[in-house]
Amino acid sequence: MKTDITSELEFFTLVARFGNLSAAARALDITPPAATKRLAQLESRLGVRLVNRTTRSISLTSEGEIYLGYAIKILAEVKEMEDAVSSGGGAPRGLLRVNATLGFGRTAIAPLVSEFVRRYPQVEVQFEVSDKPIDLVENGFDLAIRFGTLPDARLNARKLMSNRRFLCASPIYLERHGTPQTLADLSRHRCITHRQNDEAAATWRFTRDGRNEVIKVESALSSNDGDIVLGWALDAHGILIRSEWDLAKYVKSGRLKIVLPDYVLPSADLFVYYPNRRNQSTRARAFIDFLIEHIDMLAALPLPD
């Protein structure tokens, strides 16, 4: 059972993370009035106000920021201590917090989590999916599974699989509008863009024969959701950039075709990221090894020539 001070620190970090007492209460499976009372008791014990309250959200006072900084550090050290003690042997056990991208996490990683806890029933997994990258250290995650380059110098990474990206379009769209033969031809086509984070979605970068080429396309349709833009491409609305893991089955079935295959797009390889800690927990190492072992379940089918 957690000590009162550890529980108190975890409670406040949740309040700070969500910026909302009701959300923190849901995460702890308590009522909002109980969370309000708990915060009031904490402030009363310390003799300072830790948060500024509004009707919908809260923000930290300067004292609250100081308290949060120490809380994150102390909880990390407690976790490191427990991991160091428990890593001496035996089956993995304890809480493992994992983050992944929304669509890929739901369709590919969640089934692997199911298999993992079947193998290691003493591990409790908290699995969260989110559109935007999160700060693993600040939010207390053990690892994250994401596409693309390392987002934070404080993290380590292991590559899980290569993941090329391609231009694609529905055969129906290409019959109606023609198939582009050069990058310049894209200016005459409807393009579909996937807006991710703060990236310039309508700026497409290619490499061919060792030369880099950048074009800005006119976006007929755009969304921050990958499944939505893929659906629009399947509905013959335009040309889309998509990675092979979710494109291959549609190319194989003939519902999509690769466009301009000689032009190479930056890859979106899949990595598992984890905090740069000397004493990684047994359960985190076991989960990473499990992902490597089951990588064939994640890999896309080979794309046709």
Protein backbone atom coordinates (compact mmCIF):
# COMPACT_ATOMS: atom_id res chain seq x y z
CA MET A 1 0.00 0.00 0.00
CA LYS A 2 1.29 3.47 -0.84
CA THR A 3 2.26 5.79 1.98
CA ASP A 4 0.10 8.84 2.59
CA ILE A 5 2.78 11.22 1.28
CA THR A 6 3.27 9.22 -1.93
CA SER A 7 -0.48 9.13 -2.49
CA GLU A 8 -0.64 12.86 -1.85
CA LEU A 9 2.12 13.60 -4.35
CA GLU A 10 0.50 11.40 -7.00
CA PHE A 11 -2.83 13.13 -6.42
CA PHE A 12 -1.35 16.58 -6.94
CA THR A 13 0.57 15.58 -10.08
CA LEU A 14 -2.72 14.32 -11.56
CA VAL A 15 -4.46 17.59 -10.68
CA ALA A 16 -1.63 19.53 -12.34
CA ARG A 17 -1.58 17.29 -15.42
CA PHE A 18 -5.32 17.47 -16.11
CA GLY A 19 -5.81 21.07 -14.94
CA ASN A 20 -9.19 19.96 -13.75
CA LEU A 21 -10.31 18.41 -10.46
CA SER A 22 -13.11 16.39 -12.05
CA ALA A 23 -10.69 14.76 -14.49
CA ALA A 24 -8.26 13.99 -11.68
CA ALA A 25 -11.14 12.51 -9.67
CA ARG A 26 -12.09 10.23 -12.58
CA ALA A 27 -8.48 9.06 -12.89
CA LEU A 28 -8.45 8.18 -9.19
CA ASP A 29 -11.98 6.73 -9.22
CA ILE A 30 -13.21 9.14 -6.54
CA THR A 31 -15.96 11.75 -6.60
CA PRO A 32 -15.23 15.40 -7.53
CA PRO A 33 -16.25 16.58 -4.03
CA ALA A 34 -13.76 14.09 -2.55
CA ALA A 35 -11.02 15.46 -4.81
CA THR A 36 -11.91 19.04 -3.83
CA LYS A 37 -11.77 18.08 -0.15
CA ARG A 38 -8.46 16.30 -0.64
CA LEU A 39 -6.88 19.36 -2.29
CA ALA A 40 -8.23 21.64 0.44
CA GLN A 41 -6.73 19.39 3.11
CA LEU A 42 -3.37 19.42 1.34
CA GLU A 43 -3.36 23.22 1.11
CA SER A 44 -4.46 23.52 4.72
CA ARG A 45 -1.65 21.25 5.89
CA LEU A 46 0.94 23.22 3.92
CA GLY A 47 -0.55 26.59 4.82
CA VAL A 48 -0.41 27.88 1.23
CA ARG A 49 -2.66 27.96 -1.82
CA LEU A 50 -1.36 25.59 -4.49
CA VAL A 51 -3.86 26.31 -7.26
CA ASN A 52 -5.99 29.13 -8.60
CA ARG A 53 -9.52 27.91 -9.21
CA THR A 54 -11.99 28.95 -11.90
CA THR A 55 -15.38 27.43 -12.69
CA ARG A 56 -13.90 25.07 -15.32
CA SER A 57 -10.19 24.72 -14.70
CA ILE A 58 -7.34 25.38 -12.32
CA SER A 59 -3.84 26.79 -12.68
CA LEU A 60 -0.87 26.41 -10.37
CA THR A 61 0.30 29.18 -8.10
CA SER A 62 4.03 29.77 -7.75
CA GLU A 63 3.95 27.59 -4.62
CA GLY A 64 2.07 24.96 -6.60
CA GLU A 65 4.75 24.97 -9.31
CA ILE A 66 7.44 24.41 -6.67
CA TYR A 67 5.42 21.63 -5.04
CA LEU A 68 4.84 19.96 -8.43
CA GLY A 69 8.54 20.05 -9.30
CA TYR A 70 9.48 18.31 -6.08
CA ALA A 71 6.56 15.87 -6.39
CA ILE A 72 7.67 14.71 -9.86
CA LYS A 73 11.26 14.31 -8.70
CA ILE A 74 10.35 12.45 -5.50
CA LEU A 75 7.92 10.09 -7.24
CA ALA A 76 10.54 9.30 -9.90
CA GLU A 77 13.11 8.51 -7.21
CA VAL A 78 10.64 6.34 -5.29
CA LYS A 79 9.84 4.44 -8.48
CA GLU A 80 13.53 4.06 -9.30
CA MET A 81 14.19 2.77 -5.80
CA GLU A 82 11.38 0.21 -6.00
CA ASP A 83 12.48 -0.89 -9.46
CA ALA A 84 16.09 -1.31 -8.32
CA VAL A 85 14.99 -3.45 -5.37
CA SER A 86 12.51 -5.57 -7.31
CA SER A 87 14.68 -6.14 -10.40
CA GLY A 88 16.84 -8.71 -8.66
CA GLY A 89 14.80 -11.64 -9.92
CA GLY A 90 11.41 -13.19 -10.37
CA ALA A 91 8.67 -12.42 -12.83
CA PRO A 92 7.98 -8.79 -13.84
CA ARG A 93 5.41 -7.14 -11.60
CA GLY A 94 3.99 -3.73 -10.79
CA LEU A 95 2.62 -0.77 -12.75
CA LEU A 96 3.74 -0.13 -16.34
CA ARG A 97 2.54 3.08 -18.03
CA VAL A 98 2.62 3.00 -21.84
CA ASN A 99 1.71 5.68 -24.39
CA ALA A 100 1.10 5.27 -28.13
CA THR A 101 -0.38 7.14 -31.07
CA LEU A 102 -4.16 7.06 -31.26
CA GLY A 103 -4.91 4.97 -34.36
CA PHE A 104 -1.87 2.69 -34.26
CA GLY A 105 -2.18 2.25 -30.52
CA ARG A 106 -5.78 1.16 -30.82
CA THR A 107 -5.36 -1.25 -33.73
CA ALA A 108 -1.84 -2.64 -33.28
CA ILE A 109 -0.46 -2.06 -29.78
CA ALA A 110 -3.58 -2.77 -27.71
CA PRO A 111 -3.72 -6.42 -28.88
CA LEU A 112 -0.04 -6.81 -27.94
CA VAL A 113 -0.74 -5.39 -24.49
CA SER A 114 -3.43 -8.03 -24.13
CA GLU A 115 -0.93 -10.76 -24.99
CA PHE A 116 1.72 -9.25 -22.72
CA VAL A 117 -0.45 -9.24 -19.58
CA ARG A 118 -1.52 -12.78 -20.37
CA ARG A 119 2.14 -13.77 -20.20
CA TYR A 120 2.92 -11.54 -17.20
CA PRO A 121 -0.27 -11.37 -15.11
CA GLN A 122 1.48 -9.60 -12.22
CA VAL A 123 2.10 -6.52 -14.37
CA GLU A 124 -0.59 -3.82 -14.31
CA VAL A 125 -0.57 -1.86 -17.58
CA GLN A 126 -1.99 1.64 -17.92
CA PHE A 127 -2.19 2.18 -21.68
CA GLU A 128 -2.97 5.66 -22.99
CA VAL A 129 -3.28 6.79 -26.60
CA SER A 130 -2.95 10.39 -27.74
CA ASP A 131 -2.64 12.35 -30.97
CA LYS A 132 0.19 14.59 -29.81
CA PRO A 133 3.55 13.49 -28.38
CA ILE A 134 3.73 13.68 -24.61
CA ASP A 135 6.56 14.35 -22.19
CA LEU A 136 7.31 10.88 -20.82
CA VAL A 137 9.31 12.17 -17.86
CA GLU A 138 6.85 14.86 -16.78
CA ASN A 139 3.82 12.62 -17.23
CA GLY A 140 5.35 9.58 -15.59
CA PHE A 141 5.25 7.16 -18.54
CA ASP A 142 7.67 4.23 -18.70
CA LEU A 143 7.73 4.17 -22.49
CA ALA A 144 6.00 5.38 -25.65
CA ILE A 145 5.55 3.77 -29.06
CA ARG A 146 5.66 6.37 -31.81
CA PHE A 147 6.57 6.94 -35.42
CA GLY A 148 9.42 9.25 -36.37
CA THR A 149 12.55 10.72 -34.87
CA LEU A 150 13.51 11.01 -31.20
CA PRO A 151 11.46 13.92 -29.76
CA ASP A 152 13.53 14.52 -26.62
CA ALA A 153 17.26 14.27 -25.89
CA ARG A 154 16.43 12.87 -22.44
CA LEU A 155 15.06 9.70 -24.04
CA ASN A 156 16.51 6.51 -25.44
CA ALA A 157 14.95 4.67 -28.35
CA ARG A 158 14.87 1.27 -30.01
CA LYS A 159 13.70 0.88 -33.57
CA LEU A 160 10.86 -1.61 -33.88
CA MET A 161 10.37 -1.61 -37.63
CA SER A 162 11.04 0.33 -40.81
CA ASN A 163 8.02 2.12 -42.19
CA ARG A 164 8.25 3.72 -45.61
CA ARG A 165 5.80 6.36 -46.83
CA PHE A 166 4.27 6.61 -50.29
CA LEU A 167 2.02 8.78 -52.41
CA CYS A 168 -1.19 6.93 -53.13
CA ALA A 169 -4.59 7.45 -54.72
CA SER A 170 -7.71 5.52 -55.61
CA PRO A 171 -7.76 4.00 -59.13
CA ILE A 172 -11.10 5.77 -59.61
CA TYR A 173 -9.49 9.14 -58.87
CA LEU A 174 -6.60 8.42 -61.26
CA GLU A 175 -9.01 7.38 -64.02
CA ARG A 176 -10.86 10.68 -63.64
CA HIS A 177 -7.88 13.00 -63.28
CA GLY A 178 -4.93 11.12 -64.74
CA THR A 179 -1.80 9.77 -63.08
CA PRO A 180 0.94 12.32 -62.29
CA GLN A 181 4.29 11.59 -63.93
CA THR A 182 6.38 14.26 -62.18
CA LEU A 183 6.20 16.22 -58.95
CA ALA A 184 5.21 19.30 -60.95
CA ASP A 185 2.07 17.45 -62.04
CA LEU A 186 0.86 17.42 -58.43
CA SER A 187 0.01 21.12 -58.73
CA ARG A 188 -2.84 20.11 -61.04
CA HIS A 189 -4.21 17.48 -58.69
CA ARG A 190 -6.36 17.43 -55.59
CA CYS A 191 -4.20 16.52 -52.60
CA ILE A 192 -5.24 15.31 -49.16
CA THR A 193 -3.09 16.33 -46.20
CA HIS A 194 -2.71 14.90 -42.72
CA ARG A 195 -2.03 17.65 -40.17
CA GLN A 196 0.16 16.32 -37.35
CA ASN A 197 1.31 18.48 -34.47
CA ASP A 198 2.86 21.68 -35.86
CA GLU A 199 4.23 20.22 -39.09
CA ALA A 200 3.60 21.96 -42.40
CA ALA A 201 1.24 19.34 -43.80
CA ALA A 202 1.03 20.86 -47.30
CA THR A 203 4.83 20.89 -47.74
CA TRP A 204 5.93 17.56 -49.18
CA ARG A 205 9.63 16.59 -49.25
CA PHE A 206 11.11 14.01 -51.61
CA THR A 207 14.46 12.53 -52.58
CA ARG A 208 15.32 11.16 -56.01
CA ASP A 209 18.73 10.13 -57.30
CA GLY A 210 20.36 11.81 -54.31
CA ARG A 211 18.60 15.15 -54.87
CA ASN A 212 16.14 16.70 -52.44
CA GLU A 213 12.96 18.28 -53.79
CA VAL A 214 10.32 20.20 -51.87
CA ILE A 215 6.89 21.11 -53.17
CA LYS A 216 3.91 22.87 -51.64
CA VAL A 217 0.62 21.28 -52.61
CA GLU A 218 -2.89 22.66 -52.66
CA SER A 219 -4.83 20.84 -49.98
CA ALA A 220 -8.32 19.92 -51.13
CA LEU A 221 -9.05 18.16 -47.85
CA SER A 222 -7.12 18.01 -44.57
CA SER A 223 -7.58 16.52 -41.13
CA ASN A 224 -5.57 15.77 -38.01
CA ASP A 225 -6.94 12.19 -38.00
CA GLY A 226 -5.12 9.60 -40.09
CA ASP A 227 -8.12 7.30 -40.51
CA ILE A 228 -10.20 10.19 -41.85
CA VAL A 229 -7.70 11.20 -44.55
CA LEU A 230 -7.22 7.56 -45.54
CA GLY A 231 -10.98 7.23 -45.93
CA TRP A 232 -11.07 10.29 -48.19
CA ALA A 233 -8.38 8.78 -50.41
CA LEU A 234 -10.36 5.53 -50.61
CA ASP A 235 -13.39 7.62 -51.59
CA ALA A 236 -11.41 8.95 -54.58
CA HIS A 237 -11.03 12.53 -53.36
CA GLY A 238 -7.33 12.95 -54.11
CA ILE A 239 -3.68 12.00 -53.61
CA LEU A 240 -2.42 11.24 -50.10
CA ILE A 241 0.86 10.46 -48.32
CA ARG A 242 0.49 7.33 -46.23
CA SER A 243 2.84 4.91 -44.48
CA GLU A 244 3.11 1.32 -45.56
CA TRP A 245 1.82 -0.28 -42.36
CA ASP A 246 -1.74 0.90 -43.03
CA LEU A 247 -1.44 1.28 -46.81
CA ALA A 248 -0.26 -2.17 -47.86
CA LYS A 249 -3.57 -4.02 -47.54
CA TYR A 250 -5.36 -1.46 -49.72
CA VAL A 251 -2.64 -1.62 -52.38
CA LYS A 252 -2.82 -5.41 -52.32
CA SER A 253 -6.60 -5.35 -52.72
CA GLY A 254 -6.41 -2.77 -55.53
CA ARG A 255 -8.35 -0.06 -53.68
CA LEU A 256 -5.30 2.24 -53.75
CA LYS A 257 -2.36 2.63 -56.12
CA ILE A 258 1.15 3.92 -55.48
CA VAL A 259 1.85 7.19 -57.29
CA LEU A 260 5.33 8.42 -58.34
CA PRO A 261 7.15 5.47 -56.72
CA ASP A 262 10.60 6.73 -57.80
CA TYR A 263 10.30 9.72 -55.46
CA VAL A 264 11.27 8.75 -51.90
CA LEU A 265 9.53 10.36 -48.94
CA PRO A 266 11.03 10.61 -45.43
CA SER A 267 10.28 7.37 -43.63
CA ALA A 268 8.15 7.12 -40.50
CA ASP A 269 9.95 4.28 -38.74
CA LEU A 270 8.41 2.91 -35.55
CA PHE A 271 10.33 3.35 -32.29
CA VAL A 272 9.83 2.58 -28.64
CA TYR A 273 11.03 5.51 -26.53
CA TYR A 274 11.88 5.35 -22.85
CA PRO A 275 13.41 7.72 -20.28
CA ASN A 276 17.16 7.71 -20.07
CA ARG A 277 17.34 6.03 -16.67
CA ARG A 278 20.13 3.83 -15.44
CA ASN A 279 17.81 1.45 -13.61
CA GLN A 280 15.06 0.54 -16.03
CA SER A 281 12.41 -1.64 -14.44
CA THR A 282 12.16 -5.35 -15.15
CA ARG A 283 8.61 -4.89 -16.45
CA ALA A 284 9.65 -2.15 -18.90
CA ARG A 285 12.51 -4.27 -20.24
CA ALA A 286 10.16 -7.25 -20.52
CA PHE A 287 7.62 -5.19 -22.49
CA ILE A 288 10.25 -3.83 -24.88
CA ASP A 289 11.62 -7.35 -25.45
CA PHE A 290 8.04 -8.54 -25.99
CA LEU A 291 7.52 -5.88 -28.67
CA ILE A 292 10.72 -6.91 -30.44
CA GLU A 293 9.71 -10.58 -30.23
CA HIS A 294 6.29 -9.88 -31.74
CA ILE A 295 7.36 -7.32 -34.33
CA ASP A 296 6.03 -9.51 -37.15
CA MET A 297 2.52 -8.86 -35.84
CA LEU A 298 3.08 -5.13 -36.40
CA ALA A 299 4.91 -5.21 -39.71
CA ALA A 300 2.97 -4.29 -42.82
CA LEU A 301 2.57 -6.71 -45.70
CA PRO A 302 5.14 -6.23 -48.51
CA LEU A 303 3.93 -3.68 -51.02
CA PRO A 304 3.50 -4.96 -54.58
CA ASP A 305 6.07 -3.88 -57.15
